[in-house]
Every structure is written in C-alpha cells, then in structure tokens.
Amino acid sequence: FTIRHYMISDELPKLFKEANVLYWACALLTFSYEYIDHCISNSSEPPPFHIPRLCFVEAGLALSHDQVQPGQKSKLTIQMPHAGYLVEELITDNFLKYIHNMDCNPMLDPYEVGYEIAEF
C-alpha cells in the first residue's frame, strides 16, 4: 500500500479550491439557517416539520515551507511551499455522512435512520 499525491505545483491549486469551496459552503449554510430563523421568528406558527441543524467540519489549509538554517540566507525571495495539507477537525462524537463529496444524492437509503436529514 503506497500513499501517493500530486506534485506540489498540481496539488496546491486543488487544495486551495477545496478549502475555498468549504469556506463558501459554511457561509452559505450559516446564511440559510439565519434566513430560516428569521422567517420562523416572523411567522405566527412554527413550521409543520422539524428543521435539522447540520454543520460542516471545521477545516483549513496548512502549508509547509522549507526551513532556512540559522545564519544562512535563502536564495529565493519567494519560497514555494514544500507541501500542502487540508486539515480538518477531529470528530470524537458519533458521525454520519449524509452525502458523498462527489454526489449530492443521499448516501442513505429511504428506510435508513437519518434519510430525512440527508434529503433536507
């Protein structure tokens, strides 16, 4: 079993794109819940269904640069990162993934617990 990765020049744009998509997805989800809360607070009746409160995993982009040894000068004024990583929070509670990253359709079947949340 070998772990492989792209060359750094190919990998960084992909990591930046994924981190940016995650950033905007979190913002859109927050905006959606704020709008839902606003509509519920201005309504005379609560909605006739349960609205689940979901979240995206917290994540960020970490870049690793080569270290310049004390007393040495770097030959380059701009250093290309040596490696890039998408770091995500560690989830210690129960976790259920409702949709797959490559498909917006629910991963669960209609008879499984949590399917209605995946549909939401």
PDB file of N, CA and C in Angstrom:
ATOM      1  N   PHE A   1       0.848  -1.179   0.000  1.00  0.00           N
ATOM      2  CA  PHE A   1       0.000   0.000   0.000  1.00  0.00           C
ATOM      3  C   PHE A   1       0.891   1.238   0.000  1.00  0.00           C
ATOM      4  N   THR A   2       0.711   2.086  -0.971  1.00  0.00           N
ATOM      5  CA  THR A   2       1.515   3.293  -1.086  1.00  0.00           C
ATOM      6  C   THR A   2       0.598   4.507  -1.119  1.00  0.00           C
ATOM      7  N   ILE A   3       0.936   5.504  -0.321  1.00  0.00           N
ATOM      8  CA  ILE A   3       0.204   6.767  -0.359  1.00  0.00           C
ATOM      9  C   ILE A   3       0.872   7.644  -1.404  1.00  0.00           C
ATOM     10  N   ARG A   4       0.106   8.097  -2.347  1.00  0.00           N
ATOM     11  CA  ARG A   4       0.635   8.936  -3.414  1.00  0.00           C
ATOM     12  C   ARG A   4      -0.061  10.279  -3.385  1.00  0.00           C
ATOM     13  N   HIS A   5       0.601  11.260  -3.927  1.00  0.00           N
ATOM     14  CA  HIS A   5      -0.005  12.577  -4.024  1.00  0.00           C
ATOM     15  C   HIS A   5       0.493  13.263  -5.278  1.00  0.00           C
ATOM     16  N   TYR A   6      -0.176  14.331  -5.638  1.00  0.00           N
ATOM     17  CA  TYR A   6       0.225  15.106  -6.801  1.00  0.00           C
ATOM     18  C   TYR A   6       1.534  15.839  -6.524  1.00  0.00           C
ATOM     19  N   MET A   7       2.172  16.290  -7.585  1.00  0.00           N
ATOM     20  CA  MET A   7       3.306  17.187  -7.411  1.00  0.00           C
ATOM     21  C   MET A   7       2.759  18.463  -6.773  1.00  0.00           C
ATOM     22  N   ILE A   8       3.564  19.142  -5.975  1.00  0.00           N
ATOM     23  CA  ILE A   8       3.094  20.303  -5.220  1.00  0.00           C
ATOM     24  C   ILE A   8       2.494  21.369  -6.145  1.00  0.00           C
ATOM     25  N   SER A   9       3.062  21.541  -7.335  1.00  0.00           N
ATOM     26  CA  SER A   9       2.538  22.550  -8.271  1.00  0.00           C
ATOM     27  C   SER A   9       1.141  22.185  -8.774  1.00  0.00           C
ATOM     28  N   ASP A  10       0.796  20.905  -8.778  1.00  0.00           N
ATOM     29  CA  ASP A  10      -0.545  20.467  -9.165  1.00  0.00           C
ATOM     30  C   ASP A  10      -1.482  20.364  -7.962  1.00  0.00           C
ATOM     31  N   GLU A  11      -0.914  20.005  -6.812  1.00  0.00           N
ATOM     32  CA  GLU A  11      -1.727  19.767  -5.631  1.00  0.00           C
ATOM     33  C   GLU A  11      -2.240  21.059  -4.992  1.00  0.00           C
ATOM     34  N   LEU A  12      -1.399  22.088  -4.930  1.00  0.00           N
ATOM     35  CA  LEU A  12      -1.810  23.321  -4.251  1.00  0.00           C
ATOM     36  C   LEU A  12      -3.079  23.952  -4.836  1.00  0.00           C
ATOM     37  N   PRO A  13      -3.193  24.099  -6.158  1.00  0.00           N
ATOM     38  CA  PRO A  13      -4.448  24.664  -6.680  1.00  0.00           C
ATOM     39  C   PRO A  13      -5.669  23.839  -6.298  1.00  0.00           C
ATOM     40  N   LYS A  14      -5.527  22.523  -6.270  1.00  0.00           N
ATOM     41  CA  LYS A  14      -6.647  21.658  -5.881  1.00  0.00           C
ATOM     42  C   LYS A  14      -7.009  21.864  -4.406  1.00  0.00           C
ATOM     43  N   LEU A  15      -5.985  21.973  -3.557  1.00  0.00           N
ATOM     44  CA  LEU A  15      -6.240  22.186  -2.129  1.00  0.00           C
ATOM     45  C   LEU A  15      -6.862  23.552  -1.873  1.00  0.00           C
ATOM     46  N   PHE A  16      -6.358  24.578  -2.545  1.00  0.00           N
ATOM     47  CA  PHE A  16      -6.929  25.917  -2.385  1.00  0.00           C
ATOM     48  C   PHE A  16      -8.383  25.933  -2.836  1.00  0.00           C
ATOM     49  N   LYS A  17      -8.682  25.247  -3.937  1.00  0.00           N
ATOM     50  CA  LYS A  17     -10.062  25.191  -4.430  1.00  0.00           C
ATOM     51  C   LYS A  17     -10.963  24.493  -3.419  1.00  0.00           C
ATOM     52  N   GLU A  18     -10.511  23.351  -2.896  1.00  0.00           N
ATOM     53  CA  GLU A  18     -11.336  22.628  -1.926  1.00  0.00           C
ATOM     54  C   GLU A  18     -11.546  23.443  -0.655  1.00  0.00           C
ATOM     55  N   ALA A  19     -10.498  24.092  -0.162  1.00  0.00           N
ATOM     56  CA  ALA A  19     -10.633  24.917   1.037  1.00  0.00           C
ATOM     57  C   ALA A  19     -11.579  26.088   0.777  1.00  0.00           C
ATOM     58  N   ASN A  20     -11.496  26.685  -0.402  1.00  0.00           N
ATOM     59  CA  ASN A  20     -12.368  27.803  -0.744  1.00  0.00           C
ATOM     60  C   ASN A  20     -13.823  27.360  -0.857  1.00  0.00           C
ATOM     61  N   VAL A  21     -14.056  26.210  -1.471  1.00  0.00           N
ATOM     62  CA  VAL A  21     -15.420  25.670  -1.580  1.00  0.00           C
ATOM     63  C   VAL A  21     -15.992  25.397  -0.189  1.00  0.00           C
ATOM     64  N   LEU A  22     -15.193  24.817   0.680  1.00  0.00           N
ATOM     65  CA  LEU A  22     -15.643  24.539   2.041  1.00  0.00           C
ATOM     66  C   LEU A  22     -15.972  25.839   2.783  1.00  0.00           C
ATOM     67  N   TYR A  23     -15.135  26.846   2.608  1.00  0.00           N
ATOM     68  CA  TYR A  23     -15.370  28.160   3.229  1.00  0.00           C
ATOM     69  C   TYR A  23     -16.716  28.733   2.789  1.00  0.00           C
ATOM     70  N   TRP A  24     -16.971  28.723   1.478  1.00  0.00           N
ATOM     71  CA  TRP A  24     -18.222  29.274   0.973  1.00  0.00           C
ATOM     72  C   TRP A  24     -19.421  28.398   1.333  1.00  0.00           C
ATOM     73  N   ALA A  25     -19.238  27.095   1.386  1.00  0.00           N
ATOM     74  CA  ALA A  25     -20.336  26.204   1.784  1.00  0.00           C
ATOM     75  C   ALA A  25     -20.749  26.485   3.228  1.00  0.00           C
ATOM     76  N   CYS A  26     -19.759  26.687   4.103  1.00  0.00           N
ATOM     77  CA  CYS A  26     -20.066  27.014   5.502  1.00  0.00           C
ATOM     78  C   CYS A  26     -20.803  28.340   5.599  1.00  0.00           C
ATOM     79  N   ALA A  27     -20.351  29.314   4.822  1.00  0.00           N
ATOM     80  CA  ALA A  27     -21.010  30.628   4.828  1.00  0.00           C
ATOM     81  C   ALA A  27     -22.443  30.520   4.314  1.00  0.00           C
ATOM     82  N   LEU A  28     -22.649  29.753   3.265  1.00  0.00           N
ATOM     83  CA  LEU A  28     -23.990  29.579   2.703  1.00  0.00           C
ATOM     84  C   LEU A  28     -24.906  28.853   3.678  1.00  0.00           C
ATOM     85  N   LEU A  29     -24.388  27.841   4.357  1.00  0.00           N
ATOM     86  CA  LEU A  29     -25.195  27.122   5.345  1.00  0.00           C
ATOM     87  C   LEU A  29     -25.577  28.049   6.499  1.00  0.00           C
ATOM     88  N   THR A  30     -24.641  28.846   6.973  1.00  0.00           N
ATOM     89  CA  THR A  30     -24.924  29.811   8.043  1.00  0.00           C
ATOM     90  C   THR A  30     -25.989  30.809   7.596  1.00  0.00           C
ATOM     91  N   PHE A  31     -25.826  31.345   6.398  1.00  0.00           N
ATOM     92  CA  PHE A  31     -26.816  32.279   5.853  1.00  0.00           C
ATOM     93  C   PHE A  31     -28.188  31.631   5.752  1.00  0.00           C
ATOM     94  N   SER A  32     -28.234  30.374   5.296  1.00  0.00           N
ATOM     95  CA  SER A  32     -29.509  29.660   5.157  1.00  0.00           C
ATOM     96  C   SER A  32     -30.213  29.516   6.499  1.00  0.00           C
ATOM     97  N   TYR A  33     -29.467  29.122   7.531  1.00  0.00           N
ATOM     98  CA  TYR A  33     -30.076  28.969   8.853  1.00  0.00           C
ATOM     99  C   TYR A  33     -30.502  30.316   9.429  1.00  0.00           C
ATOM    100  N   GLU A  34     -29.749  31.367   9.173  1.00  0.00           N
ATOM    101  CA  GLU A  34     -30.159  32.699   9.632  1.00  0.00           C
ATOM    102  C   GLU A  34     -31.461  33.116   8.958  1.00  0.00           C
ATOM    103  N   TYR A  35     -31.597  32.823   7.682  1.00  0.00           N
ATOM    104  CA  TYR A  35     -32.821  33.141   6.959  1.00  0.00           C
ATOM    105  C   TYR A  35     -33.995  32.313   7.486  1.00  0.00           C
ATOM    106  N   ILE A  36     -33.777  31.032   7.703  1.00  0.00           N
ATOM    107  CA  ILE A  36     -34.819  30.165   8.258  1.00  0.00           C
ATOM    108  C   ILE A  36     -35.260  30.695   9.619  1.00  0.00           C
ATOM    109  N   ASP A  37     -34.295  31.026  10.484  1.00  0.00           N
ATOM    110  CA  ASP A  37     -34.623  31.555  11.814  1.00  0.00           C
ATOM    111  C   ASP A  37     -35.402  32.863  11.717  1.00  0.00           C
ATOM    112  N   HIS A  38     -35.016  33.716  10.776  1.00  0.00           N
ATOM    113  CA  HIS A  38     -35.726  34.980  10.570  1.00  0.00           C
ATOM    114  C   HIS A  38     -37.180  34.727  10.164  1.00  0.00           C
ATOM    115  N   CYS A  39     -37.363  33.807   9.224  1.00  0.00           N
ATOM    116  CA  CYS A  39     -38.726  33.503   8.754  1.00  0.00           C
ATOM    117  C   CYS A  39     -39.571  32.886   9.864  1.00  0.00           C
ATOM    118  N   ILE A  40     -38.979  32.006  10.653  1.00  0.00           N
ATOM    119  CA  ILE A  40     -39.723  31.378  11.748  1.00  0.00           C
ATOM    120  C   ILE A  40     -40.104  32.416  12.798  1.00  0.00           C
ATOM    121  N   SER A  41     -39.192  33.333  13.106  1.00  0.00           N
ATOM    122  CA  SER A  41     -39.480  34.344  14.132  1.00  0.00           C
ATOM    123  C   SER A  41     -40.556  35.325  13.675  1.00  0.00           C
ATOM    124  N   ASN A  42     -40.725  35.497  12.374  1.00  0.00           N
ATOM    125  CA  ASN A  42     -41.749  36.405  11.851  1.00  0.00           C
ATOM    126  C   ASN A  42     -43.045  35.689  11.483  1.00  0.00           C
ATOM    127  N   SER A  43     -43.086  34.387  11.722  1.00  0.00           N
ATOM    128  CA  SER A  43     -44.273  33.606  11.397  1.00  0.00           C
ATOM    129  C   SER A  43     -45.152  33.462  12.637  1.00  0.00           C
ATOM    130  N   SER A  44     -46.441  33.358  12.403  1.00  0.00           N
ATOM    131  CA  SER A  44     -47.371  33.184  13.525  1.00  0.00           C
ATOM    132  C   SER A  44     -47.401  31.742  14.017  1.00  0.00           C
ATOM    133  N   GLU A  45     -46.936  30.813  13.178  1.00  0.00           N
ATOM    134  CA  GLU A  45     -46.922  29.401  13.551  1.00  0.00           C
ATOM    135  C   GLU A  45     -45.552  28.801  13.250  1.00  0.00           C
ATOM    136  N   PRO A  46     -45.158  27.805  14.037  1.00  0.00           N
ATOM    137  CA  PRO A  46     -43.892  27.122  13.711  1.00  0.00           C
ATOM    138  C   PRO A  46     -44.075  26.270  12.451  1.00  0.00           C
ATOM    139  N   PRO A  47     -42.998  25.896  11.798  1.00  0.00           N
ATOM    140  CA  PRO A  47     -43.143  25.041  10.610  1.00  0.00           C
ATOM    141  C   PRO A  47     -43.723  23.685  10.994  1.00  0.00           C
ATOM    142  N   PRO A  48     -44.425  23.051  10.073  1.00  0.00           N
ATOM    143  CA  PRO A  48     -45.057  21.757  10.365  1.00  0.00           C
ATOM    144  C   PRO A  48     -44.090  20.573  10.288  1.00  0.00           C
ATOM    145  N   PHE A  49     -42.821  20.842  10.274  1.00  0.00           N
ATOM    146  CA  PHE A  49     -41.811  19.786  10.182  1.00  0.00           C
ATOM    147  C   PHE A  49     -40.578  20.219  10.962  1.00  0.00           C
ATOM    148  N   HIS A  50     -39.742  19.246  11.288  1.00  0.00           N
ATOM    149  CA  HIS A  50     -38.511  19.518  12.026  1.00  0.00           C
ATOM    150  C   HIS A  50     -37.424  20.013  11.064  1.00  0.00           C
ATOM    151  N   ILE A  51     -36.721  21.045  11.456  1.00  0.00           N
ATOM    152  CA  ILE A  51     -35.609  21.548  10.663  1.00  0.00           C
ATOM    153  C   ILE A  51     -34.316  21.124  11.360  1.00  0.00           C
ATOM    154  N   PRO A  52     -33.563  20.219  10.753  1.00  0.00           N
ATOM    155  CA  PRO A  52     -32.326  19.751  11.391  1.00  0.00           C
ATOM    156  C   PRO A  52     -31.259  20.841  11.388  1.00  0.00           C
ATOM    157  N   ARG A  53     -30.380  20.794  12.374  1.00  0.00           N
ATOM    158  CA  ARG A  53     -29.247  21.738  12.457  1.00  0.00           C
ATOM    159  C   ARG A  53     -27.978  20.965  12.139  1.00  0.00           C
ATOM    160  N   LEU A  54     -27.471  21.194  10.952  1.00  0.00           N
ATOM    161  CA  LEU A  54     -26.286  20.486  10.476  1.00  0.00           C
ATOM    162  C   LEU A  54     -25.101  21.437  10.443  1.00  0.00           C
ATOM    163  N   CYS A  55     -23.925  20.897  10.235  1.00  0.00           N
ATOM    164  CA  CYS A  55     -22.735  21.741  10.118  1.00  0.00           C
ATOM    165  C   CYS A  55     -21.704  21.040   9.255  1.00  0.00           C
ATOM    166  N   PHE A  56     -20.805  21.825   8.741  1.00  0.00           N
ATOM    167  CA  PHE A  56     -19.660  21.287   8.027  1.00  0.00           C
ATOM    168  C   PHE A  56     -18.523  21.129   9.021  1.00  0.00           C
ATOM    169  N   VAL A  57     -17.619  20.229   8.734  1.00  0.00           N
ATOM    170  CA  VAL A  57     -16.445  20.054   9.570  1.00  0.00           C
ATOM    171  C   VAL A  57     -15.589  21.323   9.447  1.00  0.00           C
ATOM    172  N   GLU A  58     -14.985  21.743  10.562  1.00  0.00           N
ATOM    173  CA  GLU A  58     -14.068  22.876  10.520  1.00  0.00           C
ATOM    174  C   GLU A  58     -12.791  22.418   9.830  1.00  0.00           C
ATOM    175  N   ALA A  59     -12.285  23.227   8.927  1.00  0.00           N
ATOM    176  CA  ALA A  59     -11.095  22.825   8.179  1.00  0.00           C
ATOM    177  C   ALA A  59     -10.304  24.058   7.771  1.00  0.00           C
ATOM    178  N   GLY A  60      -9.080  23.827   7.411  1.00  0.00           N
ATOM    179  CA  GLY A  60      -8.218  24.900   6.940  1.00  0.00           C
ATOM    180  C   GLY A  60      -7.089  24.336   6.110  1.00  0.00           C
ATOM    181  N   LEU A  61      -6.389  25.225   5.452  1.00  0.00           N
ATOM    182  CA  LEU A  61      -5.274  24.846   4.600  1.00  0.00           C
ATOM    183  C   LEU A  61      -3.974  25.135   5.338  1.00  0.00           C
ATOM    184  N   ALA A  62      -3.109  24.152   5.430  1.00  0.00           N
ATOM    185  CA  ALA A  62      -1.796  24.314   6.073  1.00  0.00           C
ATOM    186  C   ALA A  62      -0.720  24.114   5.017  1.00  0.00           C
ATOM    187  N   LEU A  63       0.205  25.050   4.979  1.00  0.00           N
ATOM    188  CA  LEU A  63       1.313  24.970   4.030  1.00  0.00           C
ATOM    189  C   LEU A  63       2.612  24.793   4.786  1.00  0.00           C
ATOM    190  N   SER A  64       3.454  23.903   4.282  1.00  0.00           N
ATOM    191  CA  SER A  64       4.750  23.640   4.884  1.00  0.00           C
ATOM    192  C   SER A  64       5.840  24.191   3.968  1.00  0.00           C
ATOM    193  N   HIS A  65       6.689  25.032   4.540  1.00  0.00           N
ATOM    194  CA  HIS A  65       7.806  25.607   3.783  1.00  0.00           C
ATOM    195  C   HIS A  65       9.112  25.023   4.296  1.00  0.00           C
ATOM    196  N   ASP A  66      10.103  24.949   3.425  1.00  0.00           N
ATOM    197  CA  ASP A  66      11.434  24.533   3.865  1.00  0.00           C
ATOM    198  C   ASP A  66      11.968  25.559   4.850  1.00  0.00           C
ATOM    199  N   GLN A  67      12.657  25.088   5.848  1.00  0.00           N
ATOM    200  CA  GLN A  67      13.225  25.977   6.863  1.00  0.00           C
ATOM    201  C   GLN A  67      14.618  26.416   6.442  1.00  0.00           C
ATOM    202  N   VAL A  68      14.900  27.705   6.615  1.00  0.00           N
ATOM    203  CA  VAL A  68      16.238  28.235   6.365  1.00  0.00           C
ATOM    204  C   VAL A  68      17.015  28.090   7.663  1.00  0.00           C
ATOM    205  N   GLN A  69      18.178  27.494   7.594  1.00  0.00           N
ATOM    206  CA  GLN A  69      19.002  27.283   8.778  1.00  0.00           C
ATOM    207  C   GLN A  69      19.506  28.624   9.309  1.00  0.00           C
ATOM    208  N   PRO A  70      19.637  28.755  10.633  1.00  0.00           N
ATOM    209  CA  PRO A  70      20.163  29.996  11.202  1.00  0.00           C
ATOM    210  C   PRO A  70      21.527  30.332  10.597  1.00  0.00           C
ATOM    211  N   GLY A  71      21.708  31.591  10.222  1.00  0.00           N
ATOM    212  CA  GLY A  71      22.971  32.024   9.645  1.00  0.00           C
ATOM    213  C   GLY A  71      23.026  31.877   8.138  1.00  0.00           C
ATOM    214  N   GLN A  72      22.046  31.164   7.534  1.00  0.00           N
ATOM    215  CA  GLN A  72      22.016  31.016   6.079  1.00  0.00           C
ATOM    216  C   GLN A  72      20.979  31.952   5.496  1.00  0.00           C
ATOM    217  N   LYS A  73      21.258  32.435   4.316  1.00  0.00           N
ATOM    218  CA  LYS A  73      20.284  33.255   3.617  1.00  0.00           C
ATOM    219  C   LYS A  73      19.569  32.404   2.582  1.00  0.00           C
ATOM    220  N   SER A  74      18.315  32.680   2.410  1.00  0.00           N
ATOM    221  CA  SER A  74      17.556  31.972   1.384  1.00  0.00           C
ATOM    222  C   SER A  74      17.952  32.515   0.019  1.00  0.00           C
ATOM    223  N   LYS A  75      18.106  31.639  -0.956  1.00  0.00           N
ATOM    224  CA  LYS A  75      18.465  32.053  -2.305  1.00  0.00           C
ATOM    225  C   LYS A  75      17.253  32.631  -3.041  1.00  0.00           C
ATOM    226  N   LEU A  76      16.077  32.239  -2.622  1.00  0.00           N
ATOM    227  CA  LEU A  76      14.858  32.736  -3.255  1.00  0.00           C
ATOM    228  C   LEU A  76      14.169  33.735  -2.344  1.00  0.00           C
ATOM    229  N   THR A  77      13.644  34.798  -2.931  1.00  0.00           N
ATOM    230  CA  THR A  77      12.906  35.758  -2.118  1.00  0.00           C
ATOM    231  C   THR A  77      11.488  35.258  -1.859  1.00  0.00           C
ATOM    232  N   ILE A  78      10.941  34.498  -2.784  1.00  0.00           N
ATOM    233  CA  ILE A  78       9.618  33.906  -2.595  1.00  0.00           C
ATOM    234  C   ILE A  78       9.800  32.394  -2.590  1.00  0.00           C
ATOM    235  N   GLN A  79       9.419  31.753  -1.519  1.00  0.00           N
ATOM    236  CA  GLN A  79       9.606  30.315  -1.384  1.00  0.00           C
ATOM    237  C   GLN A  79       8.312  29.584  -1.734  1.00  0.00           C
ATOM    238  N   MET A  80       8.438  28.594  -2.568  1.00  0.00           N
ATOM    239  CA  MET A  80       7.311  27.719  -2.897  1.00  0.00           C
ATOM    240  C   MET A  80       7.102  26.768  -1.725  1.00  0.00           C
ATOM    241  N   PRO A  81       5.858  26.565  -1.299  1.00  0.00           N
ATOM    242  CA  PRO A  81       5.636  25.606  -0.215  1.00  0.00           C
ATOM    243  C   PRO A  81       6.162  24.223  -0.585  1.00  0.00           C
ATOM    244  N   HIS A  82       6.642  23.532   0.406  1.00  0.00           N
ATOM    245  CA  HIS A  82       7.149  22.171   0.233  1.00  0.00           C
ATOM    246  C   HIS A  82       5.992  21.173   0.164  1.00  0.00           C
ATOM    247  N   ALA A  83       4.925  21.447   0.918  1.00  0.00           N
ATOM    248  CA  ALA A  83       3.758  20.561   0.951  1.00  0.00           C
ATOM    249  C   ALA A  83       2.533  21.351   1.380  1.00  0.00           C
ATOM    250  N   GLY A  84       1.375  20.843   1.038  1.00  0.00           N
ATOM    251  CA  GLY A  84       0.121  21.453   1.456  1.00  0.00           C
ATOM    252  C   GLY A  84      -0.806  20.384   2.013  1.00  0.00           C
ATOM    253  N   TYR A  85      -1.590  20.770   3.007  1.00  0.00           N
ATOM    254  CA  TYR A  85      -2.494  19.820   3.668  1.00  0.00           C
ATOM    255  C   TYR A  85      -3.831  20.494   3.937  1.00  0.00           C
ATOM    256  N   LEU A  86      -4.904  19.766   3.710  1.00  0.00           N
ATOM    257  CA  LEU A  86      -6.221  20.208   4.149  1.00  0.00           C
ATOM    258  C   LEU A  86      -6.433  19.570   5.513  1.00  0.00           C
ATOM    259  N   VAL A  87      -6.396  20.370   6.565  1.00  0.00           N
ATOM    260  CA  VAL A  87      -6.544  19.828   7.921  1.00  0.00           C
ATOM    261  C   VAL A  87      -7.982  20.037   8.374  1.00  0.00           C
ATOM    262  N   GLU A  88      -8.538  19.006   8.979  1.00  0.00           N
ATOM    263  CA  GLU A  88      -9.925  19.040   9.426  1.00  0.00           C
ATOM    264  C   GLU A  88      -9.988  18.737  10.913  1.00  0.00           C
ATOM    265  N   GLU A  89     -11.040  19.241  11.533  1.00  0.00           N
ATOM    266  CA  GLU A  89     -11.213  18.996  12.963  1.00  0.00           C
ATOM    267  C   GLU A  89     -11.397  17.506  13.228  1.00  0.00           C
ATOM    268  N   LEU A  90     -10.964  17.088  14.382  1.00  0.00           N
ATOM    269  CA  LEU A  90     -11.142  15.707  14.802  1.00  0.00           C
ATOM    270  C   LEU A  90     -12.538  15.570  15.393  1.00  0.00           C
ATOM    271  N   ILE A  91     -13.309  14.660  14.873  1.00  0.00           N
ATOM    272  CA  ILE A  91     -14.670  14.425  15.367  1.00  0.00           C
ATOM    273  C   ILE A  91     -14.610  13.259  16.337  1.00  0.00           C
ATOM    274  N   THR A  92     -14.940  13.516  17.592  1.00  0.00           N
ATOM    275  CA  THR A  92     -14.875  12.459  18.605  1.00  0.00           C
ATOM    276  C   THR A  92     -16.245  11.871  18.910  1.00  0.00           C
ATOM    277  N   ASP A  93     -17.319  12.561  18.532  1.00  0.00           N
ATOM    278  CA  ASP A  93     -18.674  12.055  18.751  1.00  0.00           C
ATOM    279  C   ASP A  93     -19.082  11.169  17.580  1.00  0.00           C
ATOM    280  N   ASN A  94     -20.293  10.639  17.661  1.00  0.00           N
ATOM    281  CA  ASN A  94     -20.831   9.872  16.540  1.00  0.00           C
ATOM    282  C   ASN A  94     -20.922  10.768  15.328  1.00  0.00           C
ATOM    283  N   PHE A  95     -20.604  10.220  14.180  1.00  0.00           N
ATOM    284  CA  PHE A  95     -20.602  10.987  12.934  1.00  0.00           C
ATOM    285  C   PHE A  95     -21.306  10.188  11.861  1.00  0.00           C
ATOM    286  N   LEU A  96     -22.171  10.862  11.110  1.00  0.00           N
ATOM    287  CA  LEU A  96     -22.857  10.227   9.996  1.00  0.00           C
ATOM    288  C   LEU A  96     -22.730  11.139   8.791  1.00  0.00           C
ATOM    289  N   LYS A  97     -22.163  10.616   7.730  1.00  0.00           N
ATOM    290  CA  LYS A  97     -22.016  11.381   6.494  1.00  0.00           C
ATOM    291  C   LYS A  97     -23.276  11.166   5.672  1.00  0.00           C
ATOM    292  N   TYR A  98     -23.982  12.269   5.387  1.00  0.00           N
ATOM    293  CA  TYR A  98     -25.272  12.171   4.707  1.00  0.00           C
ATOM    294  C   TYR A  98     -25.159  12.173   3.188  1.00  0.00           C
ATOM    295  N   ILE A  99     -24.163  12.882   2.667  1.00  0.00           N
ATOM    296  CA  ILE A  99     -23.957  12.908   1.220  1.00  0.00           C
ATOM    297  C   ILE A  99     -22.476  12.674   0.941  1.00  0.00           C
ATOM    298  N   HIS A 100     -22.183  12.210  -0.243  1.00  0.00           N
ATOM    299  CA  HIS A 100     -20.801  11.969  -0.661  1.00  0.00           C
ATOM    300  C   HIS A 100     -20.266  13.251  -1.310  1.00  0.00           C
ATOM    301  N   ASN A 101     -18.979  13.467  -1.216  1.00  0.00           N
ATOM    302  CA  ASN A 101     -18.368  14.676  -1.781  1.00  0.00           C
ATOM    303  C   ASN A 101     -18.596  14.806  -3.289  1.00  0.00           C
ATOM    304  N   MET A 102     -18.736  13.705  -3.982  1.00  0.00           N
ATOM    305  CA  MET A 102     -18.850  13.742  -5.439  1.00  0.00           C
ATOM    306  C   MET A 102     -20.298  13.620  -5.928  1.00  0.00           C
ATOM    307  N   ASP A 103     -21.264  13.542  -5.010  1.00  0.00           N
ATOM    308  CA  ASP A 103     -22.646  13.321  -5.415  1.00  0.00           C
ATOM    309  C   ASP A 103     -23.568  13.935  -4.370  1.00  0.00           C
ATOM    310  N   CYS A 104     -24.494  14.774  -4.808  1.00  0.00           N
ATOM    311  CA  CYS A 104     -25.386  15.427  -3.849  1.00  0.00           C
ATOM    312  C   CYS A 104     -26.575  14.560  -3.441  1.00  0.00           C
ATOM    313  N   ASN A 105     -26.691  13.369  -4.001  1.00  0.00           N
ATOM    314  CA  ASN A 105     -27.765  12.461  -3.607  1.00  0.00           C
ATOM    315  C   ASN A 105     -27.436  11.826  -2.259  1.00  0.00           C
ATOM    316  N   PRO A 106     -28.463  11.558  -1.444  1.00  0.00           N
ATOM    317  CA  PRO A 106     -28.221  10.945  -0.128  1.00  0.00           C
ATOM    318  C   PRO A 106     -27.466   9.634  -0.238  1.00  0.00           C
ATOM    319  N   MET A 107     -26.546   9.410   0.709  1.00  0.00           N
ATOM    320  CA  MET A 107     -25.830   8.136   0.775  1.00  0.00           C
ATOM    321  C   MET A 107     -26.692   7.057   1.411  1.00  0.00           C
ATOM    322  N   LEU A 108     -27.715   7.492   2.150  1.00  0.00           N
ATOM    323  CA  LEU A 108     -28.581   6.561   2.867  1.00  0.00           C
ATOM    324  C   LEU A 108     -29.755   6.135   1.995  1.00  0.00           C
ATOM    325  N   ASP A 109     -30.265   4.970   2.280  1.00  0.00           N
ATOM    326  CA  ASP A 109     -31.469   4.501   1.612  1.00  0.00           C
ATOM    327  C   ASP A 109     -32.688   5.026   2.364  1.00  0.00           C
ATOM    328  N   PRO A 110     -33.842   5.144   1.687  1.00  0.00           N
ATOM    329  CA  PRO A 110     -35.030   5.729   2.321  1.00  0.00           C
ATOM    330  C   PRO A 110     -35.458   5.063   3.635  1.00  0.00           C
ATOM    331  N   TYR A 111     -35.154   3.799   3.831  1.00  0.00           N
ATOM    332  CA  TYR A 111     -35.558   3.108   5.053  1.00  0.00           C
ATOM    333  C   TYR A 111     -34.564   3.295   6.205  1.00  0.00           C
ATOM    334  N   GLU A 112     -33.405   3.905   5.958  1.00  0.00           N
ATOM    335  CA  GLU A 112     -32.386   4.051   6.996  1.00  0.00           C
ATOM    336  C   GLU A 112     -32.620   5.297   7.848  1.00  0.00           C
ATOM    337  N   VAL A 113     -32.222   5.179   9.124  1.00  0.00           N
ATOM    338  CA  VAL A 113     -32.326   6.307  10.046  1.00  0.00           C
ATOM    339  C   VAL A 113     -31.461   7.443   9.527  1.00  0.00           C
ATOM    340  N   GLY A 114     -32.014   8.646   9.485  1.00  0.00           N
ATOM    341  CA  GLY A 114     -31.273   9.817   9.035  1.00  0.00           C
ATOM    342  C   GLY A 114     -31.517  10.175   7.580  1.00  0.00           C
ATOM    343  N   TYR A 115     -32.298   9.350   6.868  1.00  0.00           N
ATOM    344  CA  TYR A 115     -32.545   9.625   5.454  1.00  0.00           C
ATOM    345  C   TYR A 115     -33.230  10.975   5.266  1.00  0.00           C
ATOM    346  N   GLU A 116     -34.188  11.300   6.145  1.00  0.00           N
ATOM    347  CA  GLU A 116     -34.899  12.572   6.007  1.00  0.00           C
ATOM    348  C   GLU A 116     -33.970  13.758   6.195  1.00  0.00           C
ATOM    349  N   ILE A 117     -32.939  13.597   7.004  1.00  0.00           N
ATOM    350  CA  ILE A 117     -31.941  14.666   7.174  1.00  0.00           C
ATOM    351  C   ILE A 117     -31.116  14.786   5.887  1.00  0.00           C
ATOM    352  N   ALA A 118     -30.736  13.663   5.300  1.00  0.00           N
ATOM    353  CA  ALA A 118     -29.976  13.687   4.056  1.00  0.00           C
ATOM    354  C   ALA A 118     -30.791  14.340   2.947  1.00  0.00           C
ATOM    355  N   GLU A 119     -32.099  14.108   2.921  1.00  0.00           N
ATOM    356  CA  GLU A 119     -32.953  14.757   1.939  1.00  0.00           C
ATOM    357  C   GLU A 119     -33.011  16.257   2.159  1.00  0.00           C
ATOM    358  N   PHE A 120     -32.993  16.678   3.429  1.00  0.00           N
ATOM    359  CA  PHE A 120     -33.029  18.103   3.765  1.00  0.00           C
ATOM    360  C   PHE A 120     -31.840  18.803   3.132  1.00  0.00           C
TER     361      PHE A 120
END
